[in-house]
Amino acid sequence: MPLSQTGSSTKSNTMPTSQTWSYT
C-alpha cells in the first residue's frame, strides 16, 4: 500500500496534510 503517494484522501485522512494517501 503506497502511503507516500500524494493524492486526495477522503476516507481515512480528515485533515488535508502535505502527505495524503488515497485508498482504492
C-alpha atoms as a PDB file:
ATOM      1  CA  MET A   1       0.000   0.000   0.000  1.00  0.00           C
ATOM      2  CA  PRO A   2       1.630   3.202  -1.205  1.00  0.00           C
ATOM      3  CA  LEU A   3       1.335   5.608   1.692  1.00  0.00           C
ATOM      4  CA  SER A   4       3.856   8.005   0.219  1.00  0.00           C
ATOM      5  CA  GLN A   5       1.589   8.624  -2.742  1.00  0.00           C
ATOM      6  CA  THR A   6       0.187  12.124  -2.821  1.00  0.00           C
ATOM      7  CA  GLY A   7      -3.488  12.419  -3.622  1.00  0.00           C
ATOM      8  CA  SER A   8      -6.903  13.247  -2.274  1.00  0.00           C
ATOM      9  CA  SER A   9      -7.936  11.136   0.669  1.00  0.00           C
ATOM     10  CA  THR A  10     -11.451  11.486   1.971  1.00  0.00           C
ATOM     11  CA  LYS A  11     -11.749   8.172   3.788  1.00  0.00           C
ATOM     12  CA  SER A  12      -9.037   7.943   6.408  1.00  0.00           C
ATOM     13  CA  ASN A  13      -7.365  11.331   6.459  1.00  0.00           C
ATOM     14  CA  THR A  14      -9.673  14.046   7.718  1.00  0.00           C
ATOM     15  CA  MET A  15      -7.200  16.911   7.709  1.00  0.00           C
ATOM     16  CA  PRO A  16      -5.540  17.849   4.404  1.00  0.00           C
ATOM     17  CA  THR A  17      -1.837  17.488   5.079  1.00  0.00           C
ATOM     18  CA  SER A  18       1.204  17.646   2.843  1.00  0.00           C
ATOM     19  CA  GLN A  19       1.232  13.875   2.615  1.00  0.00           C
ATOM     20  CA  THR A  20      -2.114  12.408   1.696  1.00  0.00           C
ATOM     21  CA  TRP A  21      -2.924   8.872   0.700  1.00  0.00           C
ATOM     22  CA  SER A  22      -5.829   7.538  -1.304  1.00  0.00           C
ATOM     23  CA  TYR A  23      -7.400   4.174  -0.604  1.00  0.00           C
ATOM     24  CA  THR A  24      -8.916   2.424  -3.557  1.00  0.00           C
END
